[in-house]
PDB file of all heavy atoms in Angstrom:
ATOM      1  N   ARG A   1       0.787  -1.232  -0.013  1.00  0.00           N
ATOM      2  CA  ARG A   1      -0.049   0.011  -0.018  1.00  0.00           C
ATOM      3  C   ARG A   1       0.803   1.308   0.048  1.00  0.00           C
ATOM      4  O   ARG A   1       0.348   2.382  -0.086  1.00  0.00           O
ATOM      5  CB  ARG A   1      -0.933  -0.005   1.195  1.00  0.00           C
ATOM      6  CG  ARG A   1      -1.946  -1.114   1.167  1.00  0.00           C
ATOM      7  CD  ARG A   1      -2.863  -1.051   2.387  1.00  0.00           C
ATOM      8  NE  ARG A   1      -3.868  -2.149   2.413  1.00  0.00           N
ATOM      9  CZ  ARG A   1      -4.930  -2.186   1.610  1.00  0.00           C
ATOM     10  NH1 ARG A   1      -5.231  -1.223   0.898  1.00  0.00           N
ATOM     11  NH2 ARG A   1      -5.707  -3.264   1.706  1.00  0.00           N
ATOM     12  N   SER A   2       2.077   1.119   0.143  1.00  0.00           N
ATOM     13  CA  SER A   2       2.969   2.333   0.095  1.00  0.00           C
ATOM     14  C   SER A   2       3.205   2.910  -1.315  1.00  0.00           C
ATOM     15  O   SER A   2       3.192   2.060  -2.197  1.00  0.00           O
ATOM     16  CB  SER A   2       4.368   1.987   0.800  1.00  0.00           C
ATOM     17  OG  SER A   2       5.039   1.122  -0.064  1.00  0.00           O
ATOM     18  N   PRO A   3       3.363   4.179  -1.419  1.00  0.00           N
ATOM     19  CA  PRO A   3       3.520   4.742  -2.824  1.00  0.00           C
ATOM     20  C   PRO A   3       4.698   4.131  -3.530  1.00  0.00           C
ATOM     21  O   PRO A   3       4.561   3.707  -4.780  1.00  0.00           O
ATOM     22  CB  PRO A   3       3.750   6.242  -2.564  1.00  0.00           C
ATOM     23  CG  PRO A   3       3.085   6.437  -1.317  1.00  0.00           C
ATOM     24  CD  PRO A   3       3.218   5.279  -0.465  1.00  0.00           C
ATOM     25  N   LEU A   4       5.888   3.912  -2.827  1.00  0.00           N
ATOM     26  CA  LEU A   4       7.014   3.290  -3.472  1.00  0.00           C
ATOM     27  C   LEU A   4       6.786   1.865  -3.812  1.00  0.00           C
ATOM     28  O   LEU A   4       7.093   1.327  -4.847  1.00  0.00           O
ATOM     29  CB  LEU A   4       8.238   3.416  -2.597  1.00  0.00           C
ATOM     30  CG  LEU A   4       9.540   2.871  -3.168  1.00  0.00           C
ATOM     31  CD1 LEU A   4       9.910   3.563  -4.524  1.00  0.00           C
ATOM     32  CD2 LEU A   4      10.766   3.201  -2.186  1.00  0.00           C
ATOM     33  N   GLY A   5       6.129   1.135  -2.927  1.00  0.00           N
ATOM     34  CA  GLY A   5       5.797  -0.308  -3.162  1.00  0.00           C
ATOM     35  C   GLY A   5       4.858  -0.530  -4.320  1.00  0.00           C
ATOM     36  O   GLY A   5       5.020  -1.417  -5.157  1.00  0.00           O
ATOM     37  N   ILE A   6       3.848   0.466  -4.462  1.00  0.00           N
ATOM     38  CA  ILE A   6       2.927   0.407  -5.589  1.00  0.00           C
ATOM     39  C   ILE A   6       3.671   0.659  -6.909  1.00  0.00           C
ATOM     40  O   ILE A   6       3.544  -0.134  -7.932  1.00  0.00           O
ATOM     41  CB  ILE A   6       1.809   1.382  -5.355  1.00  0.00           C
ATOM     42  CG1 ILE A   6       0.911   0.992  -4.249  1.00  0.00           C
ATOM     43  CG2 ILE A   6       0.968   1.496  -6.741  1.00  0.00           C
ATOM     44  CD1 ILE A   6      -0.157   2.013  -3.827  1.00  0.00           C
ATOM     45  N   PHE A   7       4.583   1.723  -6.819  1.00  0.00           N
ATOM     46  CA  PHE A   7       5.365   2.008  -8.041  1.00  0.00           C
ATOM     47  C   PHE A   7       6.219   0.862  -8.487  1.00  0.00           C
ATOM     48  O   PHE A   7       6.304   0.533  -9.698  1.00  0.00           O
ATOM     49  CB  PHE A   7       6.206   3.293  -7.771  1.00  0.00           C
ATOM     50  CG  PHE A   7       7.161   3.571  -8.860  1.00  0.00           C
ATOM     51  CD1 PHE A   7       6.772   4.215 -10.060  1.00  0.00           C
ATOM     52  CD2 PHE A   7       8.510   3.225  -8.742  1.00  0.00           C
ATOM     53  CE1 PHE A   7       7.595   4.507 -11.002  1.00  0.00           C
ATOM     54  CE2 PHE A   7       9.348   3.497  -9.849  1.00  0.00           C
ATOM     55  CZ  PHE A   7       8.893   4.132 -10.933  1.00  0.00           C
ATOM     56  N   LEU A   8       6.918   0.172  -7.510  1.00  0.00           N
ATOM     57  CA  LEU A   8       7.832  -0.883  -7.895  1.00  0.00           C
ATOM     58  C   LEU A   8       7.022  -2.056  -8.508  1.00  0.00           C
ATOM     59  O   LEU A   8       7.453  -2.736  -9.367  1.00  0.00           O
ATOM     60  CB  LEU A   8       8.543  -1.421  -6.630  1.00  0.00           C
ATOM     61  CG  LEU A   8       9.615  -0.331  -6.113  1.00  0.00           C
ATOM     62  CD1 LEU A   8      10.245  -0.962  -4.815  1.00  0.00           C
ATOM     63  CD2 LEU A   8      10.594   0.034  -7.118  1.00  0.00           C
ATOM     64  N   ARG A   9       5.836  -2.315  -7.926  1.00  0.00           N
ATOM     65  CA  ARG A   9       5.121  -3.446  -8.403  1.00  0.00           C
ATOM     66  C   ARG A   9       4.533  -3.176  -9.849  1.00  0.00           C
ATOM     67  O   ARG A   9       4.528  -4.036 -10.710  1.00  0.00           O
ATOM     68  CB  ARG A   9       3.898  -3.730  -7.468  1.00  0.00           C
ATOM     69  CG  ARG A   9       4.377  -4.547  -6.289  1.00  0.00           C
ATOM     70  CD  ARG A   9       3.363  -4.459  -5.175  1.00  0.00           C
ATOM     71  NE  ARG A   9       3.794  -5.362  -4.050  1.00  0.00           N
ATOM     72  CZ  ARG A   9       4.743  -4.987  -3.154  1.00  0.00           C
ATOM     73  NH1 ARG A   9       5.306  -3.808  -3.218  1.00  0.00           N
ATOM     74  NH2 ARG A   9       5.115  -5.808  -2.206  1.00  0.00           N
ATOM     75  N   ILE A  10       4.165  -1.902 -10.093  1.00  0.00           N
ATOM     76  CA  ILE A  10       3.720  -1.596 -11.448  1.00  0.00           C
ATOM     77  C   ILE A  10       4.865  -1.678 -12.430  1.00  0.00           C
ATOM     78  O   ILE A  10       4.797  -2.202 -13.586  1.00  0.00           O
ATOM     79  CB  ILE A  10       3.052  -0.155 -11.471  1.00  0.00           C
ATOM     80  CG1 ILE A  10       1.806  -0.074 -10.708  1.00  0.00           C
ATOM     81  CG2 ILE A  10       2.879   0.278 -12.925  1.00  0.00           C
ATOM     82  CD1 ILE A  10       1.207   1.286 -10.504  1.00  0.00           C
ATOM     83  N   PHE A  11       5.997  -1.149 -11.971  1.00  0.00           N
ATOM     84  CA  PHE A  11       7.106  -1.205 -12.861  1.00  0.00           C
ATOM     85  C   PHE A  11       7.603  -2.691 -13.185  1.00  0.00           C
ATOM     86  O   PHE A  11       8.057  -3.016 -14.291  1.00  0.00           O
ATOM     87  CB  PHE A  11       8.295  -0.370 -12.223  1.00  0.00           C
ATOM     88  CG  PHE A  11       9.356   0.098 -13.217  1.00  0.00           C
ATOM     89  CD1 PHE A  11       9.034   0.967 -14.204  1.00  0.00           C
ATOM     90  CD2 PHE A  11      10.618  -0.399 -13.119  1.00  0.00           C
ATOM     91  CE1 PHE A  11       9.945   1.310 -15.160  1.00  0.00           C
ATOM     92  CE2 PHE A  11      11.649  -0.031 -14.072  1.00  0.00           C
ATOM     93  CZ  PHE A  11      11.296   0.858 -14.955  1.00  0.00           C
ATOM     94  N   ALA A  12       7.638  -3.470 -12.121  1.00  0.00           N
ATOM     95  CA  ALA A  12       8.079  -4.899 -12.301  1.00  0.00           C
ATOM     96  C   ALA A  12       7.010  -5.637 -13.221  1.00  0.00           C
ATOM     97  O   ALA A  12       7.536  -6.431 -14.091  1.00  0.00           O
ATOM     98  CB  ALA A  12       8.030  -5.588 -10.995  1.00  0.00           C
ATOM     99  N   TRP A  13       5.797  -5.327 -13.110  1.00  0.00           N
ATOM    100  CA  TRP A  13       4.783  -5.938 -14.035  1.00  0.00           C
ATOM    101  C   TRP A  13       5.008  -5.525 -15.481  1.00  0.00           C
ATOM    102  O   TRP A  13       5.083  -6.283 -16.389  1.00  0.00           O
ATOM    103  CB  TRP A  13       3.370  -5.464 -13.554  1.00  0.00           C
ATOM    104  CG  TRP A  13       2.336  -5.986 -14.543  1.00  0.00           C
ATOM    105  CD1 TRP A  13       1.889  -7.237 -14.752  1.00  0.00           C
ATOM    106  CD2 TRP A  13       1.464  -5.166 -15.360  1.00  0.00           C
ATOM    107  NE1 TRP A  13       0.897  -7.359 -15.647  1.00  0.00           N
ATOM    108  CE2 TRP A  13       0.663  -6.080 -16.075  1.00  0.00           C
ATOM    109  CE3 TRP A  13       1.360  -3.760 -15.541  1.00  0.00           C
ATOM    110  CZ2 TRP A  13      -0.316  -5.503 -17.019  1.00  0.00           C
ATOM    111  CZ3 TRP A  13       0.432  -3.323 -16.511  1.00  0.00           C
ATOM    112  CH2 TRP A  13      -0.347  -4.223 -17.195  1.00  0.00           C
ATOM    113  N   ILE A  14       5.249  -4.181 -15.812  1.00  0.00           N
ATOM    114  CA  ILE A  14       5.527  -3.701 -17.014  1.00  0.00           C
ATOM    115  C   ILE A  14       6.781  -4.331 -17.639  1.00  0.00           C
ATOM    116  O   ILE A  14       6.874  -4.768 -18.807  1.00  0.00           O
ATOM    117  CB  ILE A  14       5.556  -2.142 -17.045  1.00  0.00           C
ATOM    118  CG1 ILE A  14       4.194  -1.625 -16.803  1.00  0.00           C
ATOM    119  CG2 ILE A  14       6.065  -1.690 -18.492  1.00  0.00           C
ATOM    120  CD1 ILE A  14       4.194  -0.035 -16.648  1.00  0.00           C
ATOM    121  N   THR A  15       7.842  -4.376 -16.751  1.00  0.00           N
ATOM    122  CA  THR A  15       9.081  -4.920 -17.239  1.00  0.00           C
ATOM    123  C   THR A  15       9.017  -6.420 -17.624  1.00  0.00           C
ATOM    124  O   THR A  15       9.570  -6.890 -18.590  1.00  0.00           O
ATOM    125  CB  THR A  15      10.156  -4.712 -16.169  1.00  0.00           C
ATOM    126  OG1 THR A  15      10.178  -3.351 -15.780  1.00  0.00           O
ATOM    127  CG2 THR A  15      11.571  -5.190 -16.558  1.00  0.00           C
ATOM    128  N   SER A  16       8.154  -7.157 -16.746  1.00  0.00           N
ATOM    129  CA  SER A  16       7.980  -8.572 -17.019  1.00  0.00           C
ATOM    130  C   SER A  16       7.279  -8.703 -18.448  1.00  0.00           C
ATOM    131  O   SER A  16       7.648  -9.658 -19.150  1.00  0.00           O
ATOM    132  CB  SER A  16       7.081  -9.228 -16.009  1.00  0.00           C
ATOM    133  OG  SER A  16       5.762  -8.794 -16.005  1.00  0.00           O
ATOM    134  N   LEU A  17       6.367  -7.862 -18.811  1.00  0.00           N
ATOM    135  CA  LEU A  17       5.754  -7.929 -20.166  1.00  0.00           C
ATOM    136  C   LEU A  17       6.795  -7.691 -21.215  1.00  0.00           C
ATOM    137  O   LEU A  17       6.709  -8.314 -22.261  1.00  0.00           O
ATOM    138  CB  LEU A  17       4.561  -6.882 -20.242  1.00  0.00           C
ATOM    139  CG  LEU A  17       3.362  -7.101 -19.277  1.00  0.00           C
ATOM    140  CD1 LEU A  17       2.417  -6.092 -19.536  1.00  0.00           C
ATOM    141  CD2 LEU A  17       2.791  -8.530 -19.521  1.00  0.00           C
ATOM    142  N   LEU A  18       7.648  -6.702 -20.997  1.00  0.00           N
ATOM    143  CA  LEU A  18       8.668  -6.424 -22.020  1.00  0.00           C
ATOM    144  C   LEU A  18       9.660  -7.596 -22.134  1.00  0.00           C
ATOM    145  O   LEU A  18      10.015  -7.891 -23.276  1.00  0.00           O
ATOM    146  CB  LEU A  18       9.429  -5.207 -21.578  1.00  0.00           C
ATOM    147  CG  LEU A  18       8.692  -3.888 -21.602  1.00  0.00           C
ATOM    148  CD1 LEU A  18       9.504  -2.684 -21.002  1.00  0.00           C
ATOM    149  CD2 LEU A  18       8.222  -3.509 -23.071  1.00  0.00           C
ATOM    150  N   PHE A  19      10.023  -8.157 -21.049  1.00  0.00           N
ATOM    151  CA  PHE A  19      10.831  -9.396 -21.164  1.00  0.00           C
ATOM    152  C   PHE A  19      10.208 -10.554 -21.925  1.00  0.00           C
ATOM    153  O   PHE A  19      10.806 -11.196 -22.779  1.00  0.00           O
ATOM    154  CB  PHE A  19      11.271  -9.905 -19.785  1.00  0.00           C
ATOM    155  CG  PHE A  19      12.636  -9.343 -19.276  1.00  0.00           C
ATOM    156  CD1 PHE A  19      12.669  -8.304 -18.432  1.00  0.00           C
ATOM    157  CD2 PHE A  19      13.860  -9.801 -19.908  1.00  0.00           C
ATOM    158  CE1 PHE A  19      13.866  -7.824 -17.936  1.00  0.00           C
ATOM    159  CE2 PHE A  19      15.023  -9.329 -19.500  1.00  0.00           C
ATOM    160  CZ  PHE A  19      15.110  -8.302 -18.473  1.00  0.00           C
ATOM    161  N   GLN A  20       8.853 -10.730 -21.658  1.00  0.00           N
ATOM    162  CA  GLN A  20       8.057 -11.712 -22.344  1.00  0.00           C
ATOM    163  C   GLN A  20       8.072 -11.397 -23.939  1.00  0.00           C
ATOM    164  O   GLN A  20       8.142 -12.372 -24.713  1.00  0.00           O
ATOM    165  CB  GLN A  20       6.715 -11.873 -21.836  1.00  0.00           C
ATOM    166  CG  GLN A  20       6.685 -12.404 -20.431  1.00  0.00           C
ATOM    167  CD  GLN A  20       5.268 -12.343 -19.790  1.00  0.00           C
ATOM    168  OE1 GLN A  20       4.303 -12.270 -20.484  1.00  0.00           O
ATOM    169  NE2 GLN A  20       5.176 -12.362 -18.502  1.00  0.00           N
ATOM    170  N   LEU A  21       7.948 -10.131 -24.185  1.00  0.00           N
ATOM    171  CA  LEU A  21       7.923  -9.792 -25.620  1.00  0.00           C
ATOM    172  C   LEU A  21       9.326  -9.954 -26.276  1.00  0.00           C
ATOM    173  O   LEU A  21       9.397 -10.550 -27.330  1.00  0.00           O
ATOM    174  CB  LEU A  21       7.534  -8.321 -25.717  1.00  0.00           C
ATOM    175  CG  LEU A  21       7.575  -7.702 -27.197  1.00  0.00           C
ATOM    176  CD1 LEU A  21       6.567  -8.443 -28.020  1.00  0.00           C
ATOM    177  CD2 LEU A  21       7.216  -6.317 -27.125  1.00  0.00           C
ATOM    178  N   MET A  22      10.342  -9.717 -25.532  1.00  0.00           N
ATOM    179  CA  MET A  22      11.665  -9.947 -26.079  1.00  0.00           C
ATOM    180  C   MET A  22      11.948 -11.442 -26.212  1.00  0.00           C
ATOM    181  O   MET A  22      12.572 -11.829 -27.106  1.00  0.00           O
ATOM    182  CB  MET A  22      12.709  -9.357 -25.118  1.00  0.00           C
ATOM    183  CG  MET A  22      12.733  -7.837 -25.150  1.00  0.00           C
ATOM    184  SD  MET A  22      14.148  -7.091 -24.269  1.00  0.00           S
ATOM    185  CE  MET A  22      13.598  -7.406 -22.582  1.00  0.00           C
ATOM    186  N   GLU A  23      11.376 -12.216 -25.267  1.00  0.00           N
ATOM    187  CA  GLU A  23      11.589 -13.657 -25.419  1.00  0.00           C
ATOM    188  C   GLU A  23      10.830 -14.182 -26.600  1.00  0.00           C
ATOM    189  O   GLU A  23      11.380 -15.135 -27.366  1.00  0.00           O
ATOM    190  CB  GLU A  23      11.096 -14.296 -24.103  1.00  0.00           C
ATOM    191  CG  GLU A  23      11.367 -15.831 -24.183  1.00  0.00           C
ATOM    192  CD  GLU A  23      10.841 -16.538 -22.962  1.00  0.00           C
ATOM    193  OE1 GLU A  23       9.774 -16.219 -22.416  1.00  0.00           O
ATOM    194  OE2 GLU A  23      11.468 -17.501 -22.427  1.00  0.00           O
ATOM    195  N   ASP A  24       9.609 -13.680 -26.876  1.00  0.00           N
ATOM    196  CA  ASP A  24       8.884 -14.148 -28.103  1.00  0.00           C
ATOM    197  C   ASP A  24       9.654 -13.724 -29.358  1.00  0.00           C
ATOM    198  O   ASP A  24       9.643 -14.533 -30.296  1.00  0.00           O
ATOM    199  CB  ASP A  24       7.472 -13.395 -28.043  1.00  0.00           C
ATOM    200  CG  ASP A  24       6.533 -14.000 -26.964  1.00  0.00           C
ATOM    201  OD1 ASP A  24       6.840 -15.063 -26.542  1.00  0.00           O
ATOM    202  OD2 ASP A  24       5.543 -13.290 -26.651  1.00  0.00           O
ATOM    203  N   VAL A  25      10.225 -12.551 -29.433  1.00  0.00           N
ATOM    204  CA  VAL A  25      10.913 -12.120 -30.542  1.00  0.00           C
ATOM    205  C   VAL A  25      12.089 -13.025 -30.692  1.00  0.00           C
ATOM    206  O   VAL A  25      12.481 -13.485 -31.897  1.00  0.00           O
ATOM    207  CB  VAL A  25      11.434 -10.643 -30.432  1.00  0.00           C
ATOM    208  CG1 VAL A  25      12.381 -10.322 -31.511  1.00  0.00           C
ATOM    209  CG2 VAL A  25      10.278  -9.738 -30.391  1.00  0.00           C
ATOM    210  N   TYR A  26      12.896 -13.329 -29.646  1.00  0.00           N
ATOM    211  CA  TYR A  26      14.003 -14.284 -29.711  1.00  0.00           C
ATOM    212  C   TYR A  26      13.547 -15.679 -30.251  1.00  0.00           C
ATOM    213  O   TYR A  26      14.194 -16.262 -31.152  1.00  0.00           O
ATOM    214  CB  TYR A  26      14.671 -14.440 -28.390  1.00  0.00           C
ATOM    215  CG  TYR A  26      15.804 -15.419 -28.259  1.00  0.00           C
ATOM    216  CD1 TYR A  26      17.057 -15.160 -28.630  1.00  0.00           C
ATOM    217  CD2 TYR A  26      15.519 -16.728 -27.756  1.00  0.00           C
ATOM    218  CE1 TYR A  26      18.082 -15.979 -28.628  1.00  0.00           C
ATOM    219  CE2 TYR A  26      16.612 -17.683 -27.678  1.00  0.00           C
ATOM    220  CZ  TYR A  26      17.825 -17.370 -28.083  1.00  0.00           C
ATOM    221  OH  TYR A  26      18.843 -18.288 -28.059  1.00  0.00           O
ATOM    222  N   ASN A  27      12.490 -16.158 -29.708  1.00  0.00           N
ATOM    223  CA  ASN A  27      12.011 -17.533 -30.094  1.00  0.00           C
ATOM    224  C   ASN A  27      11.485 -17.518 -31.510  1.00  0.00           C
ATOM    225  O   ASN A  27      11.514 -18.613 -32.131  1.00  0.00           O
ATOM    226  CB  ASN A  27      10.908 -17.967 -29.092  1.00  0.00           C
ATOM    227  CG  ASN A  27      11.399 -18.380 -27.743  1.00  0.00           C
ATOM    228  OD1 ASN A  27      12.573 -18.667 -27.612  1.00  0.00           O
ATOM    229  ND2 ASN A  27      10.495 -18.338 -26.798  1.00  0.00           N
ATOM    230  N   SER A  28      11.070 -16.400 -32.072  1.00  0.00           N
ATOM    231  CA  SER A  28      10.567 -16.369 -33.424  1.00  0.00           C
ATOM    232  C   SER A  28      11.652 -16.631 -34.489  1.00  0.00           C
ATOM    233  O   SER A  28      11.295 -16.839 -35.644  1.00  0.00           O
ATOM    234  CB  SER A  28       9.900 -14.979 -33.682  1.00  0.00           C
ATOM    235  OG  SER A  28      10.864 -14.005 -33.693  1.00  0.00           O
ATOM    236  N   ARG A  29      12.884 -16.639 -34.088  1.00  0.00           N
ATOM    237  CA  ARG A  29      13.969 -16.925 -35.006  1.00  0.00           C
ATOM    238  C   ARG A  29      14.145 -18.351 -35.306  1.00  0.00           C
ATOM    239  O   ARG A  29      14.930 -18.665 -36.107  1.00  0.00           O
ATOM    240  CB  ARG A  29      15.276 -16.258 -34.463  1.00  0.00           C
ATOM    241  CG  ARG A  29      15.228 -14.777 -34.245  1.00  0.00           C
ATOM    242  CD  ARG A  29      16.400 -14.372 -33.309  1.00  0.00           C
ATOM    243  NE  ARG A  29      17.693 -14.730 -33.860  1.00  0.00           N
ATOM    244  CZ  ARG A  29      18.686 -15.339 -33.198  1.00  0.00           C
ATOM    245  NH1 ARG A  29      18.454 -15.627 -31.941  1.00  0.00           N
ATOM    246  NH2 ARG A  29      19.824 -15.670 -33.777  1.00  0.00           N
ATOM    247  N   PHE A  30      13.578 -19.244 -34.541  1.00  0.00           N
ATOM    248  CA  PHE A  30      13.816 -20.712 -34.572  1.00  0.00           C
ATOM    249  C   PHE A  30      12.469 -21.543 -34.859  1.00  0.00           C
ATOM    250  O   PHE A  30      11.498 -21.221 -34.302  1.00  0.00           O
ATOM    251  CB  PHE A  30      14.474 -21.229 -33.231  1.00  0.00           C
ATOM    252  CG  PHE A  30      15.610 -20.358 -32.824  1.00  0.00           C
ATOM    253  CD1 PHE A  30      15.487 -19.452 -31.744  1.00  0.00           C
ATOM    254  CD2 PHE A  30      16.833 -20.454 -33.442  1.00  0.00           C
ATOM    255  CE1 PHE A  30      16.550 -18.652 -31.366  1.00  0.00           C
ATOM    256  CE2 PHE A  30      17.908 -19.718 -33.028  1.00  0.00           C
ATOM    257  CZ  PHE A  30      17.780 -18.791 -32.048  1.00  0.00           C
ATOM    258  N   ILE A  31      12.728 -22.479 -35.789  1.00  0.00           N
ATOM    259  CA  ILE A  31      11.598 -23.338 -36.051  1.00  0.00           C
ATOM    260  C   ILE A  31      10.945 -23.983 -34.894  1.00  0.00           C
ATOM    261  O   ILE A  31       9.723 -24.103 -34.799  1.00  0.00           O
ATOM    262  CB  ILE A  31      12.013 -24.370 -37.192  1.00  0.00           C
ATOM    263  CG1 ILE A  31      12.144 -23.645 -38.521  1.00  0.00           C
ATOM    264  CG2 ILE A  31      10.950 -25.470 -37.335  1.00  0.00           C
ATOM    265  CD1 ILE A  31      10.883 -23.143 -39.084  1.00  0.00           C
ATOM    266  N   ASP A  32      11.790 -24.455 -33.952  1.00  0.00           N
ATOM    267  CA  ASP A  32      11.271 -25.230 -32.811  1.00  0.00           C
ATOM    268  C   ASP A  32      10.393 -24.379 -31.892  1.00  0.00           C
ATOM    269  O   ASP A  32       9.484 -24.926 -31.279  1.00  0.00           O
ATOM    270  CB  ASP A  32      12.481 -25.759 -32.082  1.00  0.00           C
ATOM    271  CG  ASP A  32      13.068 -27.018 -32.689  1.00  0.00           C
ATOM    272  OD1 ASP A  32      12.491 -27.647 -33.541  1.00  0.00           O
ATOM    273  OD2 ASP A  32      14.214 -27.321 -32.359  1.00  0.00           O
ATOM    274  N   THR A  33      10.620 -23.070 -31.844  1.00  0.00           N
ATOM    275  CA  THR A  33       9.896 -22.204 -30.862  1.00  0.00           C
ATOM    276  C   THR A  33       8.991 -21.212 -31.471  1.00  0.00           C
ATOM    277  O   THR A  33       8.167 -20.616 -30.827  1.00  0.00           O
ATOM    278  CB  THR A  33      10.997 -21.566 -29.911  1.00  0.00           C
ATOM    279  OG1 THR A  33      11.944 -20.877 -30.752  1.00  0.00           O
ATOM    280  CG2 THR A  33      11.622 -22.598 -29.020  1.00  0.00           C
ATOM    281  N   ALA A  34       9.201 -20.863 -32.750  1.00  0.00           N
ATOM    282  CA  ALA A  34       8.327 -19.866 -33.444  1.00  0.00           C
ATOM    283  C   ALA A  34       6.893 -20.407 -33.509  1.00  0.00           C
ATOM    284  O   ALA A  34       6.688 -21.611 -33.631  1.00  0.00           O
ATOM    285  CB  ALA A  34       8.893 -19.615 -34.783  1.00  0.00           C
ATOM    286  N   VAL A  35       6.013 -19.490 -33.449  1.00  0.00           N
ATOM    287  CA  VAL A  35       4.613 -19.814 -33.537  1.00  0.00           C
ATOM    288  C   VAL A  35       3.846 -18.790 -34.566  1.00  0.00           C
ATOM    289  O   VAL A  35       4.355 -17.761 -34.740  1.00  0.00           O
ATOM    290  CB  VAL A  35       3.863 -19.809 -32.108  1.00  0.00           C
ATOM    291  CG1 VAL A  35       4.467 -20.887 -31.243  1.00  0.00           C
ATOM    292  CG2 VAL A  35       3.934 -18.458 -31.563  1.00  0.00           C
ATOM    293  N   GLY A  36       2.780 -19.286 -34.963  1.00  0.00           N
ATOM    294  CA  GLY A  36       1.980 -18.400 -35.817  1.00  0.00           C
ATOM    295  C   GLY A  36       2.698 -17.749 -37.050  1.00  0.00           C
ATOM    296  O   GLY A  36       3.426 -18.539 -37.737  1.00  0.00           O
ATOM    297  N   ASN A  37       2.493 -16.502 -37.321  1.00  0.00           N
ATOM    298  CA  ASN A  37       3.117 -15.862 -38.565  1.00  0.00           C
ATOM    299  C   ASN A  37       4.643 -15.944 -38.480  1.00  0.00           C
ATOM    300  O   ASN A  37       5.204 -15.968 -39.490  1.00  0.00           O
ATOM    301  CB  ASN A  37       2.592 -14.426 -38.559  1.00  0.00           C
ATOM    302  CG  ASN A  37       1.176 -14.240 -38.965  1.00  0.00           C
ATOM    303  OD1 ASN A  37       0.620 -15.178 -39.630  1.00  0.00           O
ATOM    304  ND2 ASN A  37       0.508 -13.243 -38.589  1.00  0.00           N
ATOM    305  N   SER A  38       5.242 -15.882 -37.310  1.00  0.00           N
ATOM    306  CA  SER A  38       6.646 -15.991 -37.249  1.00  0.00           C
ATOM    307  C   SER A  38       7.116 -17.299 -37.780  1.00  0.00           C
ATOM    308  O   SER A  38       8.113 -17.424 -38.479  1.00  0.00           O
ATOM    309  CB  SER A  38       7.140 -15.801 -35.721  1.00  0.00           C
ATOM    310  OG  SER A  38       6.772 -14.498 -35.319  1.00  0.00           O
ATOM    311  N   LEU A  39       6.430 -18.401 -37.400  1.00  0.00           N
ATOM    312  CA  LEU A  39       6.801 -19.670 -37.942  1.00  0.00           C
ATOM    313  C   LEU A  39       6.502 -19.776 -39.494  1.00  0.00           C
ATOM    314  O   LEU A  39       7.427 -20.332 -40.093  1.00  0.00           O
ATOM    315  CB  LEU A  39       5.889 -20.760 -37.241  1.00  0.00           C
ATOM    316  CG  LEU A  39       6.011 -22.223 -37.734  1.00  0.00           C
ATOM    317  CD1 LEU A  39       7.415 -22.750 -37.457  1.00  0.00           C
ATOM    318  CD2 LEU A  39       4.983 -23.122 -36.998  1.00  0.00           C
ATOM    319  N   TYR A  40       5.450 -19.265 -39.957  1.00  0.00           N
ATOM    320  CA  TYR A  40       5.171 -19.249 -41.344  1.00  0.00           C
ATOM    321  C   TYR A  40       6.151 -18.455 -42.150  1.00  0.00           C
ATOM    322  O   TYR A  40       6.536 -18.803 -43.258  1.00  0.00           O
ATOM    323  CB  TYR A  40       3.768 -18.751 -41.638  1.00  0.00           C
ATOM    324  CG  TYR A  40       2.686 -19.432 -40.713  1.00  0.00           C
ATOM    325  CD1 TYR A  40       1.591 -18.713 -40.329  1.00  0.00           C
ATOM    326  CD2 TYR A  40       2.885 -20.801 -40.332  1.00  0.00           C
ATOM    327  CE1 TYR A  40       0.617 -19.211 -39.387  1.00  0.00           C
ATOM    328  CE2 TYR A  40       1.908 -21.324 -39.497  1.00  0.00           C
ATOM    329  CZ  TYR A  40       0.778 -20.567 -39.000  1.00  0.00           C
ATOM    330  OH  TYR A  40      -0.064 -21.108 -38.204  1.00  0.00           O
ATOM    331  N   ASN A  41       6.603 -17.398 -41.599  1.00  0.00           N
ATOM    332  CA  ASN A  41       7.619 -16.580 -42.287  1.00  0.00           C
ATOM    333  C   ASN A  41       8.886 -17.322 -42.511  1.00  0.00           C
ATOM    334  O   ASN A  41       9.562 -17.191 -43.466  1.00  0.00           O
ATOM    335  CB  ASN A  41       7.848 -15.238 -41.515  1.00  0.00           C
ATOM    336  CG  ASN A  41       6.715 -14.296 -41.622  1.00  0.00           C
ATOM    337  OD1 ASN A  41       5.953 -14.295 -42.620  1.00  0.00           O
ATOM    338  ND2 ASN A  41       6.538 -13.349 -40.701  1.00  0.00           N
ATOM    339  N   LEU A  42       9.315 -18.091 -41.444  1.00  0.00           N
ATOM    340  CA  LEU A  42      10.464 -18.956 -41.603  1.00  0.00           C
ATOM    341  C   LEU A  42      10.340 -19.993 -42.685  1.00  0.00           C
ATOM    342  O   LEU A  42      11.269 -20.314 -43.463  1.00  0.00           O
ATOM    343  CB  LEU A  42      10.854 -19.618 -40.225  1.00  0.00           C
ATOM    344  CG  LEU A  42      11.302 -18.764 -39.100  1.00  0.00           C
ATOM    345  CD1 LEU A  42      11.366 -19.547 -37.836  1.00  0.00           C
ATOM    346  CD2 LEU A  42      12.671 -18.201 -39.431  1.00  0.00           C
ATOM    347  N   GLY A  43       9.167 -20.634 -42.724  1.00  0.00           N
ATOM    348  CA  GLY A  43       8.825 -21.559 -43.823  1.00  0.00           C
ATOM    349  C   GLY A  43       8.863 -20.953 -45.186  1.00  0.00           C
ATOM    350  O   GLY A  43       9.187 -21.633 -46.164  1.00  0.00           O
TER     351      GLY A  43
END
């Protein structure tokens, strides 16, 4: 409930989304892990 605690949690959540997006971009380079349009583009 503290202002700093709320800020850190929001920032951690946003950063986790960015890391997930970066992981998706990384995985899209490989046939084994790419999905959807990224997989079809490799094909």
